[in-house]
Amino acid sequence: MEERAFDRWGQHASVVGLGTWQLGADWGDVDDKAALSVLEAAAESGVTFFDTADVYGDGRSEQAIATFQSSRPDLHVLVATKMGRRVDQIPQNYVLDNFRAWNDRSRRNLGVDRVDLVQLHCPPTPVYSSDEVYDALDTLVAEERVAAYGVSVETCAEALTAIARPNVASVQIILNPFRMKPLREVLPAARAAGVGVIARVPLASGLLSGKYTKDTVFAADDHRTYNRHGEAFDVGETFSGVDYTTGVDAAAEFSALAPRGYAPAQLALRWIIQQPGVTTVIPGARTPGQARANAAAARLPELDEATLAAVRNLYERRIKDQVESRW
């Protein structure tokens, strides 16, 4: 699989990675055996980048990755984790002592002395502008607790603030055919600065797979049920902030744009891969088949200009007004 550089970090990652929120079993049921099967399928398909967080299953996702890596020392996979969401979301909690404690826990969960990449996990907006926060992150690098650090953001403004900092290696942001605003400023700024872009929520919580209808019922513990209006965290993380009815209708139109040989989800992933400045995209997977299909998107032919224009037109007509003013 093609790999792209995190220039400030000096590492490369597969253009399709693996997001592992679902492997923590915070929503839905993924047992340990199934989690390991997904990790194996992704790695065997050429994926060299796993994204996790200390809050996914309260550490279960990190532990699953550790178990997998210990069983496959022959595979080189970079692991990015996140920290900060296990405490009250106030800027005063983003201090060096807490960073060290959170990092100690993640290193234990992952079974490593040094984390490849640690990301602040969508902290309060003022955190991105704090000199003390970046000084603390630099300290983690100096102490060889982490090799590099980045941020996960909700808004384009937060991303641009972080990119301006000299040692930020990566920005993780929602980017998909239903969330195009980052294309205007964030991706060009990151590319110019040598900051890697990790595209998350690439399928708009599954909408872009084309599998859901207005009658689809999600489990009570699924964020697509309990967070539709931002009850638990930023509503932009669920269906990319698009209301469900609009999203289902737009997704049906999107699916019809898939070229021959593409599943709708692969169209969405291929669209992201083709955006200049994207380093890696991190779809989740619950089954080995999903992991393999996601990875296969990297090997599909590039989308032609007519398809790209049709995707843009769909966004402009149906989605843009709902999302661009917020994120």
Protein backbone atom coordinates (compact mmCIF):
# COMPACT_ATOMS: atom_id res chain seq x y z
CA MET A 1 0.00 0.00 0.00
CA GLU A 2 1.14 3.55 -0.68
CA GLU A 3 2.69 5.27 2.33
CA ARG A 4 2.88 9.00 2.99
CA ALA A 5 5.10 11.05 5.25
CA PHE A 6 4.58 12.83 8.51
CA ASP A 7 7.38 15.25 7.66
CA ARG A 8 7.87 16.76 11.12
CA TRP A 9 7.87 13.31 12.70
CA GLY A 10 10.05 11.61 10.13
CA GLN A 11 7.73 8.61 9.81
CA HIS A 12 5.53 7.19 7.05
CA ALA A 13 2.07 5.64 7.31
CA SER A 14 -0.19 3.72 4.96
CA VAL A 15 -2.72 5.96 3.23
CA VAL A 16 -5.46 3.81 4.74
CA GLY A 17 -5.03 3.22 8.46
CA LEU A 18 -7.36 1.71 11.03
CA GLY A 19 -9.44 3.55 13.58
CA THR A 20 -10.04 1.41 16.67
CA TRP A 21 -12.75 3.18 18.67
CA GLN A 22 -15.15 0.33 17.97
CA LEU A 23 -12.60 -2.25 19.22
CA GLY A 24 -12.94 -0.77 22.70
CA ALA A 25 -16.58 -1.96 22.63
CA ASP A 26 -17.85 1.41 23.81
CA TRP A 27 -20.62 0.98 21.25
CA GLY A 28 -21.68 -2.37 19.92
CA ASP A 29 -20.12 -5.66 20.94
CA VAL A 30 -16.66 -6.60 19.66
CA ASP A 31 -15.07 -9.39 21.69
CA ASP A 32 -11.32 -9.88 22.11
CA LYS A 33 -11.04 -12.53 19.41
CA ALA A 34 -12.93 -10.38 16.90
CA ALA A 35 -10.79 -7.34 17.73
CA LEU A 36 -7.59 -9.28 17.08
CA SER A 37 -9.00 -10.61 13.81
CA VAL A 38 -9.72 -7.09 12.61
CA LEU A 39 -6.21 -5.90 13.52
CA GLU A 40 -4.70 -8.91 11.75
CA ALA A 41 -6.76 -8.39 8.60
CA ALA A 42 -5.85 -4.72 8.44
CA ALA A 43 -2.13 -5.35 8.89
CA GLU A 44 -2.11 -8.18 6.38
CA SER A 45 -3.79 -5.81 3.90
CA GLY A 46 -0.94 -3.32 4.17
CA VAL A 47 -2.19 -1.06 6.96
CA THR A 48 0.74 0.33 8.98
CA PHE A 49 -1.09 2.89 11.13
CA PHE A 50 -3.47 2.17 14.02
CA ASP A 51 -5.28 5.01 15.78
CA THR A 52 -6.60 4.51 19.31
CA ALA A 53 -7.21 6.45 22.54
CA ASP A 54 -6.94 5.89 26.27
CA VAL A 55 -10.69 6.40 26.58
CA TYR A 56 -11.72 3.75 24.02
CA GLY A 57 -13.13 1.05 26.24
CA ASP A 58 -11.23 2.76 29.09
CA GLY A 59 -8.02 1.30 27.67
CA ARG A 60 -9.37 -1.89 26.10
CA SER A 61 -8.57 -0.75 22.57
CA GLU A 62 -4.96 0.05 23.51
CA GLN A 63 -4.64 -3.35 25.19
CA ALA A 64 -5.98 -5.16 22.13
CA ILE A 65 -3.34 -3.48 19.99
CA ALA A 66 -0.65 -4.47 22.49
CA THR A 67 -1.78 -8.09 22.38
CA PHE A 68 -1.78 -8.08 18.60
CA GLN A 69 1.65 -6.49 18.31
CA SER A 70 3.19 -8.92 20.79
CA SER A 71 1.87 -11.78 18.66
CA ARG A 72 3.19 -10.27 15.41
CA PRO A 73 6.62 -8.74 16.10
CA ASP A 74 7.41 -9.17 12.39
CA LEU A 75 4.94 -6.41 11.45
CA HIS A 76 5.83 -2.73 11.64
CA VAL A 77 2.76 -0.72 12.63
CA LEU A 78 2.79 2.81 14.02
CA VAL A 79 0.36 3.36 16.89
CA ALA A 80 -1.16 6.74 17.62
CA THR A 81 -3.08 7.12 20.84
CA LYS A 82 -4.88 10.08 22.39
CA MET A 83 -5.23 11.52 25.87
CA GLY A 84 -7.33 13.99 27.79
CA ARG A 85 -10.93 12.76 27.65
CA ARG A 86 -10.91 10.83 30.92
CA VAL A 87 -11.19 14.01 33.02
CA ASP A 88 -13.45 17.04 33.19
CA GLN A 89 -13.02 19.08 30.04
CA ILE A 90 -11.52 22.25 31.46
CA PRO A 91 -8.22 23.80 30.31
CA GLN A 92 -6.79 23.56 33.83
CA ASN A 93 -6.56 19.77 33.48
CA TYR A 94 -4.17 19.99 30.54
CA VAL A 95 -0.92 20.20 32.53
CA LEU A 96 2.36 18.28 32.60
CA ASP A 97 1.62 16.20 35.70
CA ASN A 98 -1.59 14.92 34.13
CA PHE A 99 0.12 14.36 30.79
CA ARG A 100 2.73 12.18 32.50
CA ALA A 101 0.09 10.19 34.36
CA TRP A 102 -2.02 9.68 31.23
CA ASN A 103 1.05 8.72 29.24
CA ASP A 104 2.15 6.23 31.90
CA ARG A 105 -1.22 4.53 31.66
CA SER A 106 -1.17 4.38 27.86
CA ARG A 107 2.37 3.01 27.82
CA ARG A 108 1.30 0.27 30.20
CA ASN A 109 -1.76 -0.52 28.10
CA LEU A 110 0.27 -0.57 24.90
CA GLY A 111 3.19 -2.45 26.43
CA VAL A 112 5.78 0.06 25.21
CA ASP A 113 8.40 2.35 26.73
CA ARG A 114 7.68 5.10 24.23
CA VAL A 115 4.43 5.88 22.40
CA ASP A 116 4.84 6.51 18.68
CA LEU A 117 2.40 9.42 18.54
CA VAL A 118 0.21 10.95 21.24
CA GLN A 119 -2.60 13.34 20.40
CA LEU A 120 -4.61 15.71 22.56
CA HIS A 121 -8.12 14.33 22.26
CA CYS A 122 -10.36 17.24 21.19
CA PRO A 123 -9.62 19.35 24.27
CA PRO A 124 -11.35 22.66 25.10
CA THR A 125 -10.57 25.26 22.45
CA PRO A 126 -8.28 27.45 24.65
CA VAL A 127 -5.90 24.50 25.07
CA TYR A 128 -4.74 24.81 21.46
CA SER A 129 -3.43 28.32 22.15
CA SER A 130 -1.60 27.59 25.41
CA ASP A 131 2.20 27.92 25.43
CA GLU A 132 2.31 25.85 28.61
CA VAL A 133 0.52 22.96 26.92
CA TYR A 134 3.04 22.76 24.10
CA ASP A 135 5.92 23.13 26.55
CA ALA A 136 4.51 20.13 28.44
CA LEU A 137 4.18 18.11 25.25
CA ASP A 138 7.77 18.99 24.33
CA THR A 139 8.78 17.69 27.74
CA LEU A 140 7.15 14.32 27.01
CA VAL A 141 9.27 14.08 23.87
CA ALA A 142 12.44 15.14 25.72
CA GLU A 143 11.77 12.50 28.37
CA GLU A 144 11.39 9.91 25.57
CA ARG A 145 7.88 9.05 26.68
CA VAL A 146 6.58 9.83 23.19
CA ALA A 147 8.28 10.07 19.82
CA ALA A 148 5.98 12.83 18.55
CA TYR A 149 2.74 14.60 19.35
CA GLY A 150 -0.26 15.98 17.56
CA VAL A 151 -3.81 17.12 18.15
CA SER A 152 -7.29 15.90 17.34
CA VAL A 153 -9.66 18.77 16.63
CA GLU A 154 -13.31 19.52 16.08
CA THR A 155 -12.99 22.73 14.07
CA CYS A 156 -10.88 24.09 11.25
CA ALA A 157 -9.92 27.07 13.43
CA GLU A 158 -8.50 24.73 16.08
CA ALA A 159 -6.53 22.88 13.41
CA LEU A 160 -4.99 26.07 12.04
CA THR A 161 -4.00 27.19 15.55
CA ALA A 162 -2.19 23.91 16.15
CA ILE A 163 -0.51 23.81 12.73
CA ALA A 164 1.16 27.14 13.55
CA ARG A 165 3.05 25.50 16.43
CA PRO A 166 6.51 24.31 15.34
CA ASN A 167 6.53 20.84 16.91
CA VAL A 168 3.01 19.63 16.16
CA ALA A 169 3.50 16.55 13.98
CA SER A 170 -0.11 15.82 13.08
CA VAL A 171 -3.65 17.12 13.04
CA GLN A 172 -6.57 14.71 13.14
CA ILE A 173 -9.76 16.19 11.72
CA ILE A 174 -13.10 15.02 10.34
CA LEU A 175 -12.84 14.94 6.57
CA ASN A 176 -15.18 13.16 4.17
CA PRO A 177 -17.54 13.95 1.27
CA PHE A 178 -20.01 15.33 3.85
CA ARG A 179 -17.35 17.50 5.57
CA MET A 180 -15.33 19.41 2.98
CA LYS A 181 -14.48 22.66 4.74
CA PRO A 182 -10.95 21.48 5.73
CA LEU A 183 -10.04 21.41 2.04
CA ARG A 184 -10.01 25.21 1.83
CA GLU A 185 -7.45 26.15 4.49
CA VAL A 186 -6.49 23.29 6.79
CA LEU A 187 -5.04 20.87 4.24
CA PRO A 188 -3.03 23.54 2.37
CA ALA A 189 -1.66 24.94 5.66
CA ALA A 190 -0.72 21.49 6.95
CA ARG A 191 0.93 20.57 3.68
CA ALA A 192 2.99 23.77 3.66
CA ALA A 193 4.08 23.24 7.27
CA GLY A 194 4.89 19.54 6.94
CA VAL A 195 2.15 18.57 9.39
CA GLY A 196 0.49 15.21 8.78
CA VAL A 197 -3.28 15.10 8.35
CA ILE A 198 -5.18 12.14 9.81
CA ALA A 199 -8.71 12.05 8.36
CA ARG A 200 -11.24 10.62 10.79
CA VAL A 201 -14.97 9.78 10.55
CA PRO A 202 -14.38 9.11 6.86
CA LEU A 203 -17.72 7.37 6.32
CA ALA A 204 -19.79 9.88 8.33
CA SER A 205 -20.56 7.24 10.99
CA GLY A 206 -21.45 4.75 8.27
CA LEU A 207 -23.82 6.94 6.29
CA LEU A 208 -21.51 6.96 3.29
CA SER A 209 -21.58 3.17 3.14
CA GLY A 210 -25.11 3.53 1.75
CA LYS A 211 -26.36 0.76 4.05
CA TYR A 212 -28.73 2.76 6.23
CA THR A 213 -32.32 3.79 5.67
CA LYS A 214 -34.64 6.09 7.57
CA ASP A 215 -35.96 3.00 9.35
CA THR A 216 -32.55 1.72 10.54
CA VAL A 217 -32.46 1.30 14.32
CA PHE A 218 -29.12 1.47 16.11
CA ALA A 219 -28.43 -0.08 19.51
CA ALA A 220 -29.07 2.01 22.60
CA ASP A 221 -25.35 2.07 23.43
CA ASP A 222 -24.41 3.21 19.91
CA HIS A 223 -23.49 6.91 19.63
CA ARG A 224 -25.64 7.03 16.50
CA THR A 225 -28.57 6.66 18.91
CA TYR A 226 -27.50 8.57 21.99
CA ASN A 227 -25.48 11.43 20.48
CA ARG A 228 -27.59 12.57 17.55
CA HIS A 229 -28.04 15.98 19.14
CA GLY A 230 -24.71 16.19 20.97
CA GLU A 231 -25.95 14.73 24.23
CA ALA A 232 -22.61 13.04 25.04
CA PHE A 233 -19.95 14.86 22.98
CA ASP A 234 -19.67 17.12 19.94
CA VAL A 235 -22.53 16.28 17.60
CA GLY A 236 -20.16 16.66 14.68
CA GLU A 237 -18.67 13.27 15.57
CA THR A 238 -21.99 11.55 14.80
CA PHE A 239 -23.01 11.47 11.13
CA SER A 240 -20.54 14.36 10.65
CA GLY A 241 -23.14 16.68 12.16
CA VAL A 242 -25.65 16.09 9.36
CA ASP A 243 -29.20 15.37 10.47
CA TYR A 244 -30.03 11.74 9.88
CA THR A 245 -32.86 12.15 7.40
CA THR A 246 -30.86 14.49 5.20
CA GLY A 247 -27.85 12.21 5.53
CA VAL A 248 -29.71 9.09 4.39
CA ASP A 249 -31.10 10.85 1.32
CA ALA A 250 -27.73 12.35 0.42
CA ALA A 251 -25.98 9.02 0.99
CA ALA A 252 -28.30 7.29 -1.47
CA GLU A 253 -27.36 9.88 -4.07
CA PHE A 254 -23.69 9.49 -3.17
CA SER A 255 -23.86 5.70 -3.58
CA ALA A 256 -25.13 6.13 -7.11
CA LEU A 257 -21.92 7.99 -7.98
CA ALA A 258 -19.69 4.98 -7.22
CA PRO A 259 -17.79 3.90 -10.35
CA ARG A 260 -17.90 0.31 -11.48
CA GLY A 261 -15.93 -1.86 -9.05
CA TYR A 262 -16.27 0.55 -6.11
CA ALA A 263 -18.43 0.02 -3.05
CA PRO A 264 -19.86 3.35 -1.78
CA ALA A 265 -17.57 3.23 1.26
CA GLN A 266 -14.58 2.78 -1.04
CA LEU A 267 -15.68 5.79 -3.06
CA ALA A 268 -15.64 7.86 0.13
CA LEU A 269 -12.20 6.58 1.14
CA ARG A 270 -10.75 7.02 -2.35
CA TRP A 271 -12.10 10.59 -2.42
CA ILE A 272 -10.28 11.35 0.83
CA ILE A 273 -7.03 9.71 -0.30
CA GLN A 274 -6.99 11.95 -3.38
CA GLN A 275 -7.14 15.20 -1.41
CA PRO A 276 -3.72 16.90 -1.43
CA GLY A 277 -2.34 17.06 2.10
CA VAL A 278 -4.01 13.93 3.50
CA THR A 279 -1.48 11.58 5.09
CA THR A 280 -3.76 8.76 6.20
CA VAL A 281 -7.47 8.05 6.60
CA ILE A 282 -8.63 5.93 9.53
CA PRO A 283 -11.90 4.07 8.91
CA GLY A 284 -13.05 1.72 11.62
CA ALA A 285 -13.93 -1.91 11.04
CA ARG A 286 -15.89 -4.47 13.02
CA THR A 287 -15.03 -7.47 10.87
CA PRO A 288 -11.96 -8.65 8.96
CA GLY A 289 -13.93 -8.27 5.73
CA GLN A 290 -14.58 -4.60 6.43
CA ALA A 291 -10.90 -4.03 7.22
CA ARG A 292 -9.84 -5.66 3.95
CA ALA A 293 -12.41 -3.74 1.90
CA ASN A 294 -11.30 -0.45 3.44
CA ALA A 295 -7.65 -1.19 2.69
CA ALA A 296 -8.53 -2.15 -0.88
CA ALA A 297 -9.72 1.41 -1.54
CA ALA A 298 -6.07 2.47 -1.65
CA ARG A 299 -5.49 0.25 -4.67
CA LEU A 300 -8.51 1.34 -6.71
CA PRO A 301 -8.02 3.65 -9.72
CA GLU A 302 -8.10 7.37 -9.05
CA LEU A 303 -11.49 9.02 -9.36
CA ASP A 304 -11.95 11.02 -12.53
CA GLU A 305 -12.78 14.70 -12.65
CA ALA A 306 -16.44 14.07 -13.46
CA THR A 307 -16.91 11.95 -10.33
CA LEU A 308 -15.05 14.45 -8.16
CA ALA A 309 -17.24 17.24 -9.50
CA ALA A 310 -20.41 15.25 -8.85
CA VAL A 311 -19.37 14.60 -5.24
CA ARG A 312 -18.67 18.31 -4.78
CA ASN A 313 -22.03 19.23 -6.29
CA LEU A 314 -23.83 16.86 -3.92
CA TYR A 315 -22.09 18.43 -0.94
CA GLU A 316 -22.86 21.97 -2.07
CA ARG A 317 -26.55 21.21 -2.63
CA ARG A 318 -27.41 19.02 0.33
CA ILE A 319 -24.81 19.24 3.10
CA LYS A 320 -22.75 22.44 3.16
CA ASP A 321 -25.30 24.69 4.86
CA GLN A 322 -25.70 22.25 7.77
CA VAL A 323 -22.03 21.87 8.68
CA GLU A 324 -19.78 24.68 7.53
CA SER A 325 -20.88 27.32 10.03
CA ARG A 326 -20.13 25.01 12.99
CA TRP A 327 -16.90 23.20 12.19
